[in-house]
Amino acid sequence: MKRFNPKTKTFKVFNALYNGEALTASKASKMGVGNLAAEASRIRQAGYAVYSNSRTAGNGVRVTEYVMGKPSREIVALGYAAKAKGLSLDTI
């Protein structure tokens, strides 16, 4: 798994998610992160399971929360199947 530079916004988001926080765009902006979706994408590309869940807040606004979780069995199986066929991140 990739490590992140502690001076980056990606590290701030990763650290919060890894410690069990559910992040919204509002919480991320307080951390100095402007585009939470892009940071979540970078963390996913590094091999971590980051899930986005949409919900409606009490005031009727749609909010997307990002959480770190455990990958499903299907995703793990796809990874093993790709490895068996000789695919890796270097060949993609």
PDB file of N, CA and C in Angstrom:
ATOM      1  N   MET A   1       0.840  -1.180   0.000  1.00  0.00           N
ATOM      2  CA  MET A   1       0.000   0.000   0.000  1.00  0.00           C
ATOM      3  C   MET A   1       0.886   1.244   0.000  1.00  0.00           C
ATOM      4  N   LYS A   2       0.392   2.235  -0.656  1.00  0.00           N
ATOM      5  CA  LYS A   2       1.129   3.486  -0.783  1.00  0.00           C
ATOM      6  C   LYS A   2       1.061   4.285   0.515  1.00  0.00           C
ATOM      7  N   ARG A   3       2.135   4.971   0.806  1.00  0.00           N
ATOM      8  CA  ARG A   3       2.144   5.896   1.937  1.00  0.00           C
ATOM      9  C   ARG A   3       1.994   7.309   1.393  1.00  0.00           C
ATOM     10  N   PHE A   4       1.413   8.165   2.212  1.00  0.00           N
ATOM     11  CA  PHE A   4       1.169   9.535   1.783  1.00  0.00           C
ATOM     12  C   PHE A   4       2.095  10.479   2.532  1.00  0.00           C
ATOM     13  N   ASN A   5       2.509  11.536   1.849  1.00  0.00           N
ATOM     14  CA  ASN A   5       3.347  12.568   2.458  1.00  0.00           C
ATOM     15  C   ASN A   5       2.521  13.282   3.528  1.00  0.00           C
ATOM     16  N   PRO A   6       3.005  13.324   4.771  1.00  0.00           N
ATOM     17  CA  PRO A   6       2.239  13.943   5.862  1.00  0.00           C
ATOM     18  C   PRO A   6       1.943  15.428   5.668  1.00  0.00           C
ATOM     19  N   LYS A   7       2.575  16.071   4.706  1.00  0.00           N
ATOM     20  CA  LYS A   7       2.353  17.498   4.487  1.00  0.00           C
ATOM     21  C   LYS A   7       1.220  17.771   3.502  1.00  0.00           C
ATOM     22  N   THR A   8       0.583  16.728   2.969  1.00  0.00           N
ATOM     23  CA  THR A   8      -0.405  16.917   1.910  1.00  0.00           C
ATOM     24  C   THR A   8      -1.839  16.862   2.439  1.00  0.00           C
ATOM     25  N   LYS A   9      -2.744  17.387   1.614  1.00  0.00           N
ATOM     26  CA  LYS A   9      -4.171  17.317   1.930  1.00  0.00           C
ATOM     27  C   LYS A   9      -4.655  15.873   1.891  1.00  0.00           C
ATOM     28  N   THR A  10      -4.085  15.094   0.973  1.00  0.00           N
ATOM     29  CA  THR A  10      -4.462  13.680   0.869  1.00  0.00           C
ATOM     30  C   THR A  10      -4.189  12.967   2.184  1.00  0.00           C
ATOM     31  N   PHE A  11      -3.065  13.278   2.815  1.00  0.00           N
ATOM     32  CA  PHE A  11      -2.742  12.650   4.090  1.00  0.00           C
ATOM     33  C   PHE A  11      -3.744  13.050   5.170  1.00  0.00           C
ATOM     34  N   LYS A  12      -4.146  14.315   5.182  1.00  0.00           N
ATOM     35  CA  LYS A  12      -5.130  14.764   6.172  1.00  0.00           C
ATOM     36  C   LYS A  12      -6.430  13.986   6.027  1.00  0.00           C
ATOM     37  N   VAL A  13      -6.888  13.832   4.787  1.00  0.00           N
ATOM     38  CA  VAL A  13      -8.126  13.093   4.537  1.00  0.00           C
ATOM     39  C   VAL A  13      -7.937  11.622   4.885  1.00  0.00           C
ATOM     40  N   PHE A  14      -6.827  11.035   4.438  1.00  0.00           N
ATOM     41  CA  PHE A  14      -6.555   9.629   4.729  1.00  0.00           C
ATOM     42  C   PHE A  14      -6.531   9.377   6.227  1.00  0.00           C
ATOM     43  N   ASN A  15      -5.851  10.224   6.957  1.00  0.00           N
ATOM     44  CA  ASN A  15      -5.725  10.063   8.402  1.00  0.00           C
ATOM     45  C   ASN A  15      -7.092  10.120   9.087  1.00  0.00           C
ATOM     46  N   ALA A  16      -7.924  11.053   8.674  1.00  0.00           N
ATOM     47  CA  ALA A  16      -9.260  11.169   9.263  1.00  0.00           C
ATOM     48  C   ALA A  16     -10.094   9.926   8.953  1.00  0.00           C
ATOM     49  N   LEU A  17     -10.077   9.480   7.698  1.00  0.00           N
ATOM     50  CA  LEU A  17     -10.849   8.296   7.314  1.00  0.00           C
ATOM     51  C   LEU A  17     -10.324   7.042   8.010  1.00  0.00           C
ATOM     52  N   TYR A  18      -9.009   6.914   8.070  1.00  0.00           N
ATOM     53  CA  TYR A  18      -8.380   5.736   8.698  1.00  0.00           C
ATOM     54  C   TYR A  18      -8.740   5.646  10.183  1.00  0.00           C
ATOM     55  N   ASN A  19      -8.924   6.809  10.806  1.00  0.00           N
ATOM     56  CA  ASN A  19      -9.280   6.841  12.230  1.00  0.00           C
ATOM     57  C   ASN A  19     -10.785   6.749  12.462  1.00  0.00           C
ATOM     58  N   GLY A  20     -11.545   6.433  11.412  1.00  0.00           N
ATOM     59  CA  GLY A  20     -12.964   6.149  11.565  1.00  0.00           C
ATOM     60  C   GLY A  20     -13.909   7.317  11.388  1.00  0.00           C
ATOM     61  N   GLU A  21     -13.413   8.468  10.977  1.00  0.00           N
ATOM     62  CA  GLU A  21     -14.297   9.620  10.763  1.00  0.00           C
ATOM     63  C   GLU A  21     -15.053   9.480   9.453  1.00  0.00           C
ATOM     64  N   ALA A  22     -16.263   9.968   9.415  1.00  0.00           N
ATOM     65  CA  ALA A  22     -17.025  10.098   8.178  1.00  0.00           C
ATOM     66  C   ALA A  22     -16.876  11.555   7.749  1.00  0.00           C
ATOM     67  N   LEU A  23     -16.308  11.762   6.571  1.00  0.00           N
ATOM     68  CA  LEU A  23     -16.039  13.127   6.106  1.00  0.00           C
ATOM     69  C   LEU A  23     -17.070  13.592   5.093  1.00  0.00           C
ATOM     70  N   THR A  24     -17.504  14.817   5.250  1.00  0.00           N
ATOM     71  CA  THR A  24     -18.346  15.497   4.273  1.00  0.00           C
ATOM     72  C   THR A  24     -17.524  16.653   3.703  1.00  0.00           C
ATOM     73  N   ALA A  25     -18.026  17.259   2.646  1.00  0.00           N
ATOM     74  CA  ALA A  25     -17.326  18.396   2.044  1.00  0.00           C
ATOM     75  C   ALA A  25     -17.164  19.528   3.059  1.00  0.00           C
ATOM     76  N   SER A  26     -18.162  19.698   3.917  1.00  0.00           N
ATOM     77  CA  SER A  26     -18.103  20.747   4.933  1.00  0.00           C
ATOM     78  C   SER A  26     -16.968  20.497   5.927  1.00  0.00           C
ATOM     79  N   LYS A  27     -16.866  19.261   6.417  1.00  0.00           N
ATOM     80  CA  LYS A  27     -15.792  18.932   7.352  1.00  0.00           C
ATOM     81  C   LYS A  27     -14.431  19.045   6.681  1.00  0.00           C
ATOM     82  N   ALA A  28     -14.363  18.608   5.413  1.00  0.00           N
ATOM     83  CA  ALA A  28     -13.095  18.657   4.689  1.00  0.00           C
ATOM     84  C   ALA A  28     -12.644  20.090   4.459  1.00  0.00           C
ATOM     85  N   SER A  29     -13.575  20.990   4.177  1.00  0.00           N
ATOM     86  CA  SER A  29     -13.196  22.382   3.945  1.00  0.00           C
ATOM     87  C   SER A  29     -12.614  23.006   5.210  1.00  0.00           C
ATOM     88  N   LYS A  30     -13.077  22.560   6.380  1.00  0.00           N
ATOM     89  CA  LYS A  30     -12.504  23.038   7.639  1.00  0.00           C
ATOM     90  C   LYS A  30     -11.081  22.540   7.832  1.00  0.00           C
ATOM     91  N   MET A  31     -10.734  21.449   7.122  1.00  0.00           N
ATOM     92  CA  MET A  31      -9.377  20.906   7.173  1.00  0.00           C
ATOM     93  C   MET A  31      -8.509  21.513   6.078  1.00  0.00           C
ATOM     94  N   GLY A  32      -9.093  22.384   5.237  1.00  0.00           N
ATOM     95  CA  GLY A  32      -8.343  23.008   4.157  1.00  0.00           C
ATOM     96  C   GLY A  32      -8.402  22.235   2.850  1.00  0.00           C
ATOM     97  N   VAL A  33      -9.321  21.289   2.744  1.00  0.00           N
ATOM     98  CA  VAL A  33      -9.453  20.468   1.538  1.00  0.00           C
ATOM     99  C   VAL A  33     -10.639  20.985   0.731  1.00  0.00           C
ATOM    100  N   GLY A  34     -10.387  21.398  -0.505  1.00  0.00           N
ATOM    101  CA  GLY A  34     -11.444  21.963  -1.330  1.00  0.00           C
ATOM    102  C   GLY A  34     -12.224  20.933  -2.126  1.00  0.00           C
ATOM    103  N   ASN A  35     -11.560  19.880  -2.588  1.00  0.00           N
ATOM    104  CA  ASN A  35     -12.213  18.882  -3.431  1.00  0.00           C
ATOM    105  C   ASN A  35     -12.061  17.507  -2.784  1.00  0.00           C
ATOM    106  N   LEU A  36     -12.994  17.176  -1.927  1.00  0.00           N
ATOM    107  CA  LEU A  36     -12.931  15.917  -1.182  1.00  0.00           C
ATOM    108  C   LEU A  36     -13.021  14.710  -2.107  1.00  0.00           C
ATOM    109  N   ALA A  37     -13.810  14.795  -3.162  1.00  0.00           N
ATOM    110  CA  ALA A  37     -13.955  13.670  -4.094  1.00  0.00           C
ATOM    111  C   ALA A  37     -12.622  13.321  -4.753  1.00  0.00           C
ATOM    112  N   ALA A  38     -11.836  14.327  -5.099  1.00  0.00           N
ATOM    113  CA  ALA A  38     -10.531  14.086  -5.718  1.00  0.00           C
ATOM    114  C   ALA A  38      -9.573  13.418  -4.734  1.00  0.00           C
ATOM    115  N   GLU A  39      -9.609  13.859  -3.484  1.00  0.00           N
ATOM    116  CA  GLU A  39      -8.737  13.249  -2.476  1.00  0.00           C
ATOM    117  C   GLU A  39      -9.151  11.802  -2.216  1.00  0.00           C
ATOM    118  N   ALA A  40     -10.451  11.542  -2.172  1.00  0.00           N
ATOM    119  CA  ALA A  40     -10.938  10.172  -1.985  1.00  0.00           C
ATOM    120  C   ALA A  40     -10.495   9.293  -3.153  1.00  0.00           C
ATOM    121  N   SER A  41     -10.519   9.848  -4.355  1.00  0.00           N
ATOM    122  CA  SER A  41     -10.082   9.104  -5.533  1.00  0.00           C
ATOM    123  C   SER A  41      -8.600   8.746  -5.442  1.00  0.00           C
ATOM    124  N   ARG A  42      -7.777   9.671  -4.984  1.00  0.00           N
ATOM    125  CA  ARG A  42      -6.342   9.399  -4.826  1.00  0.00           C
ATOM    126  C   ARG A  42      -6.109   8.278  -3.808  1.00  0.00           C
ATOM    127  N   ILE A  43      -6.874   8.297  -2.738  1.00  0.00           N
ATOM    128  CA  ILE A  43      -6.727   7.267  -1.709  1.00  0.00           C
ATOM    129  C   ILE A  43      -7.180   5.912  -2.255  1.00  0.00           C
ATOM    130  N   ARG A  44      -8.252   5.896  -3.037  1.00  0.00           N
ATOM    131  CA  ARG A  44      -8.712   4.652  -3.677  1.00  0.00           C
ATOM    132  C   ARG A  44      -7.651   4.113  -4.618  1.00  0.00           C
ATOM    133  N   GLN A  45      -7.026   4.989  -5.393  1.00  0.00           N
ATOM    134  CA  GLN A  45      -6.000   4.553  -6.338  1.00  0.00           C
ATOM    135  C   GLN A  45      -4.788   3.975  -5.635  1.00  0.00           C
ATOM    136  N   ALA A  46      -4.607   4.331  -4.367  1.00  0.00           N
ATOM    137  CA  ALA A  46      -3.509   3.783  -3.586  1.00  0.00           C
ATOM    138  C   ALA A  46      -3.872   2.421  -2.995  1.00  0.00           C
ATOM    139  N   GLY A  47      -5.110   1.975  -3.217  1.00  0.00           N
ATOM    140  CA  GLY A  47      -5.487   0.637  -2.796  1.00  0.00           C
ATOM    141  C   GLY A  47      -6.364   0.541  -1.571  1.00  0.00           C
ATOM    142  N   TYR A  48      -6.895   1.635  -1.112  1.00  0.00           N
ATOM    143  CA  TYR A  48      -7.760   1.623   0.073  1.00  0.00           C
ATOM    144  C   TYR A  48      -9.228   1.686  -0.340  1.00  0.00           C
ATOM    145  N   ALA A  49     -10.075   1.052   0.455  1.00  0.00           N
ATOM    146  CA  ALA A  49     -11.511   1.025   0.175  1.00  0.00           C
ATOM    147  C   ALA A  49     -12.163   2.251   0.803  1.00  0.00           C
ATOM    148  N   VAL A  50     -12.469   3.233  -0.020  1.00  0.00           N
ATOM    149  CA  VAL A  50     -13.155   4.441   0.443  1.00  0.00           C
ATOM    150  C   VAL A  50     -14.536   4.435  -0.195  1.00  0.00           C
ATOM    151  N   TYR A  51     -15.558   4.508   0.627  1.00  0.00           N
ATOM    152  CA  TYR A  51     -16.935   4.453   0.157  1.00  0.00           C
ATOM    153  C   TYR A  51     -17.590   5.816   0.300  1.00  0.00           C
ATOM    154  N   SER A  52     -18.441   6.150  -0.673  1.00  0.00           N
ATOM    155  CA  SER A  52     -19.201   7.397  -0.592  1.00  0.00           C
ATOM    156  C   SER A  52     -20.673   7.036  -0.414  1.00  0.00           C
ATOM    157  N   ASN A  53     -21.294   7.641   0.564  1.00  0.00           N
ATOM    158  CA  ASN A  53     -22.698   7.407   0.879  1.00  0.00           C
ATOM    159  C   ASN A  53     -23.446   8.732   0.815  1.00  0.00           C
ATOM    160  N   SER A  54     -24.476   8.787  -0.018  1.00  0.00           N
ATOM    161  CA  SER A  54     -25.293  10.002  -0.115  1.00  0.00           C
ATOM    162  C   SER A  54     -26.467   9.903   0.839  1.00  0.00           C
ATOM    163  N   ARG A  55     -26.789  11.017   1.444  1.00  0.00           N
ATOM    164  CA  ARG A  55     -27.938  11.068   2.355  1.00  0.00           C
ATOM    165  C   ARG A  55     -28.522  12.467   2.294  1.00  0.00           C
ATOM    166  N   THR A  56     -29.711  12.613   2.835  1.00  0.00           N
ATOM    167  CA  THR A  56     -30.340  13.926   2.913  1.00  0.00           C
ATOM    168  C   THR A  56     -30.221  14.426   4.347  1.00  0.00           C
ATOM    169  N   ALA A  57     -29.643  15.594   4.507  1.00  0.00           N
ATOM    170  CA  ALA A  57     -29.467  16.178   5.843  1.00  0.00           C
ATOM    171  C   ALA A  57     -30.813  16.675   6.363  1.00  0.00           C
ATOM    172  N   GLY A  58     -30.850  17.064   7.612  1.00  0.00           N
ATOM    173  CA  GLY A  58     -32.070  17.533   8.245  1.00  0.00           C
ATOM    174  C   GLY A  58     -32.705  18.734   7.567  1.00  0.00           C
ATOM    175  N   ASN A  59     -31.871  19.546   6.902  1.00  0.00           N
ATOM    176  CA  ASN A  59     -32.404  20.733   6.223  1.00  0.00           C
ATOM    177  C   ASN A  59     -32.771  20.456   4.763  1.00  0.00           C
ATOM    178  N   GLY A  60     -32.768  19.191   4.346  1.00  0.00           N
ATOM    179  CA  GLY A  60     -33.181  18.816   2.999  1.00  0.00           C
ATOM    180  C   GLY A  60     -32.085  18.844   1.959  1.00  0.00           C
ATOM    181  N   VAL A  61     -30.853  19.123   2.344  1.00  0.00           N
ATOM    182  CA  VAL A  61     -29.738  19.203   1.406  1.00  0.00           C
ATOM    183  C   VAL A  61     -29.110  17.812   1.250  1.00  0.00           C
ATOM    184  N   ARG A  62     -28.750  17.437  -0.008  1.00  0.00           N
ATOM    185  CA  ARG A  62     -28.062  16.176  -0.256  1.00  0.00           C
ATOM    186  C   ARG A  62     -26.611  16.310   0.177  1.00  0.00           C
ATOM    187  N   VAL A  63     -26.152  15.357   0.970  1.00  0.00           N
ATOM    188  CA  VAL A  63     -24.790  15.371   1.490  1.00  0.00           C
ATOM    189  C   VAL A  63     -24.136  14.042   1.145  1.00  0.00           C
ATOM    190  N   THR A  64     -22.885  14.085   0.715  1.00  0.00           N
ATOM    191  CA  THR A  64     -22.128  12.865   0.462  1.00  0.00           C
ATOM    192  C   THR A  64     -21.091  12.711   1.562  1.00  0.00           C
ATOM    193  N   GLU A  65     -21.133  11.572   2.241  1.00  0.00           N
ATOM    194  CA  GLU A  65     -20.161  11.249   3.285  1.00  0.00           C
ATOM    195  C   GLU A  65     -19.189  10.211   2.744  1.00  0.00           C
ATOM    196  N   TYR A  66     -17.940  10.373   3.085  1.00  0.00           N
ATOM    197  CA  TYR A  66     -16.907   9.413   2.698  1.00  0.00           C
ATOM    198  C   TYR A  66     -16.424   8.698   3.949  1.00  0.00           C
ATOM    199  N   VAL A  67     -16.331   7.369   3.858  1.00  0.00           N
ATOM    200  CA  VAL A  67     -15.851   6.552   4.965  1.00  0.00           C
ATOM    201  C   VAL A  67     -14.880   5.509   4.415  1.00  0.00           C
ATOM    202  N   MET A  68     -13.965   5.079   5.256  1.00  0.00           N
ATOM    203  CA  MET A  68     -13.068   4.009   4.867  1.00  0.00           C
ATOM    204  C   MET A  68     -13.652   2.716   5.413  1.00  0.00           C
ATOM    205  N   GLY A  69     -13.635   1.694   4.591  1.00  0.00           N
ATOM    206  CA  GLY A  69     -14.219   0.433   5.010  1.00  0.00           C
ATOM    207  C   GLY A  69     -13.402  -0.749   4.539  1.00  0.00           C
ATOM    208  N   LYS A  70     -14.033  -1.886   4.648  1.00  0.00           N
ATOM    209  CA  LYS A  70     -13.414  -3.129   4.242  1.00  0.00           C
ATOM    210  C   LYS A  70     -13.935  -3.470   2.848  1.00  0.00           C
ATOM    211  N   PRO A  71     -13.062  -3.839   1.904  1.00  0.00           N
ATOM    212  CA  PRO A  71     -13.538  -4.159   0.566  1.00  0.00           C
ATOM    213  C   PRO A  71     -14.426  -5.403   0.575  1.00  0.00           C
ATOM    214  N   SER A  72     -15.380  -5.435  -0.346  1.00  0.00           N
ATOM    215  CA  SER A  72     -16.280  -6.588  -0.427  1.00  0.00           C
ATOM    216  C   SER A  72     -15.525  -7.808  -0.944  1.00  0.00           C
ATOM    217  N   ARG A  73     -16.099  -8.967  -0.735  1.00  0.00           N
ATOM    218  CA  ARG A  73     -15.480 -10.201  -1.206  1.00  0.00           C
ATOM    219  C   ARG A  73     -15.337 -10.189  -2.722  1.00  0.00           C
ATOM    220  N   GLU A  74     -16.309  -9.581  -3.402  1.00  0.00           N
ATOM    221  CA  GLU A  74     -16.263  -9.526  -4.859  1.00  0.00           C
ATOM    222  C   GLU A  74     -15.055  -8.728  -5.346  1.00  0.00           C
ATOM    223  N   ILE A  75     -14.779  -7.615  -4.712  1.00  0.00           N
ATOM    224  CA  ILE A  75     -13.637  -6.786  -5.108  1.00  0.00           C
ATOM    225  C   ILE A  75     -12.326  -7.538  -4.868  1.00  0.00           C
ATOM    226  N   VAL A  76     -12.231  -8.207  -3.737  1.00  0.00           N
ATOM    227  CA  VAL A  76     -11.025  -8.983  -3.440  1.00  0.00           C
ATOM    228  C   VAL A  76     -10.864 -10.107  -4.465  1.00  0.00           C
ATOM    229  N   ALA A  77     -11.953 -10.776  -4.808  1.00  0.00           N
ATOM    230  CA  ALA A  77     -11.906 -11.850  -5.798  1.00  0.00           C
ATOM    231  C   ALA A  77     -11.467 -11.320  -7.162  1.00  0.00           C
ATOM    232  N   LEU A  78     -11.970 -10.142  -7.542  1.00  0.00           N
ATOM    233  CA  LEU A  78     -11.550  -9.540  -8.811  1.00  0.00           C
ATOM    234  C   LEU A  78     -10.054  -9.229  -8.812  1.00  0.00           C
ATOM    235  N   GLY A  79      -9.549  -8.786  -7.682  1.00  0.00           N
ATOM    236  CA  GLY A  79      -8.117  -8.511  -7.565  1.00  0.00           C
ATOM    237  C   GLY A  79      -7.288  -9.764  -7.757  1.00  0.00           C
ATOM    238  N   TYR A  80      -7.699 -10.863  -7.126  1.00  0.00           N
ATOM    239  CA  TYR A  80      -6.985 -12.128  -7.289  1.00  0.00           C
ATOM    240  C   TYR A  80      -7.075 -12.643  -8.719  1.00  0.00           C
ATOM    241  N   ALA A  81      -8.247 -12.491  -9.348  1.00  0.00           N
ATOM    242  CA  ALA A  81      -8.416 -12.928 -10.737  1.00  0.00           C
ATOM    243  C   ALA A  81      -7.516 -12.120 -11.665  1.00  0.00           C
ATOM    244  N   ALA A  82      -7.415 -10.820 -11.425  1.00  0.00           N
ATOM    245  CA  ALA A  82      -6.549  -9.970 -12.248  1.00  0.00           C
ATOM    246  C   ALA A  82      -5.090 -10.384 -12.089  1.00  0.00           C
ATOM    247  N   LYS A  83      -4.683 -10.660 -10.857  1.00  0.00           N
ATOM    248  CA  LYS A  83      -3.303 -11.101 -10.598  1.00  0.00           C
ATOM    249  C   LYS A  83      -3.023 -12.408 -11.322  1.00  0.00           C
ATOM    250  N   ALA A  84      -3.994 -13.340 -11.300  1.00  0.00           N
ATOM    251  CA  ALA A  84      -3.817 -14.640 -11.947  1.00  0.00           C
ATOM    252  C   ALA A  84      -3.643 -14.486 -13.453  1.00  0.00           C
ATOM    253  N   LYS A  85      -4.231 -13.444 -14.020  1.00  0.00           N
ATOM    254  CA  LYS A  85      -4.102 -13.203 -15.462  1.00  0.00           C
ATOM    255  C   LYS A  85      -2.872 -12.360 -15.791  1.00  0.00           C
ATOM    256  N   GLY A  86      -2.071 -12.045 -14.781  1.00  0.00           N
ATOM    257  CA  GLY A  86      -0.846 -11.308 -15.017  1.00  0.00           C
ATOM    258  C   GLY A  86      -0.992  -9.803 -15.021  1.00  0.00           C
ATOM    259  N   LEU A  87      -2.157  -9.296 -14.590  1.00  0.00           N
ATOM    260  CA  LEU A  87      -2.356  -7.854 -14.548  1.00  0.00           C
ATOM    261  C   LEU A  87      -1.830  -7.294 -13.234  1.00  0.00           C
ATOM    262  N   SER A  88      -1.288  -6.112 -13.312  1.00  0.00           N
ATOM    263  CA  SER A  88      -0.872  -5.396 -12.105  1.00  0.00           C
ATOM    264  C   SER A  88      -1.052  -3.916 -12.354  1.00  0.00           C
ATOM    265  N   LEU A  89      -0.845  -3.125 -11.339  1.00  0.00           N
ATOM    266  CA  LEU A  89      -0.991  -1.676 -11.509  1.00  0.00           C
ATOM    267  C   LEU A  89       0.036  -1.118 -12.472  1.00  0.00           C
ATOM    268  N   ASP A  90       1.167  -1.801 -12.597  1.00  0.00           N
ATOM    269  CA  ASP A  90       2.210  -1.347 -13.514  1.00  0.00           C
ATOM    270  C   ASP A  90       1.836  -1.578 -14.973  1.00  0.00           C
ATOM    271  N   THR A  91       0.969  -2.585 -15.236  1.00  0.00           N
ATOM    272  CA  THR A  91       0.624  -2.912 -16.617  1.00  0.00           C
ATOM    273  C   THR A  91      -0.633  -2.201 -17.092  1.00  0.00           C
ATOM    274  N   ILE A  92      -1.329  -1.548 -16.192  1.00  0.00           N
ATOM    275  CA  ILE A  92      -2.581  -0.878 -16.568  1.00  0.00           C
ATOM    276  C   ILE A  92      -2.288   0.505 -17.099  1.00  0.00           C
TER     277      ILE A  92
END
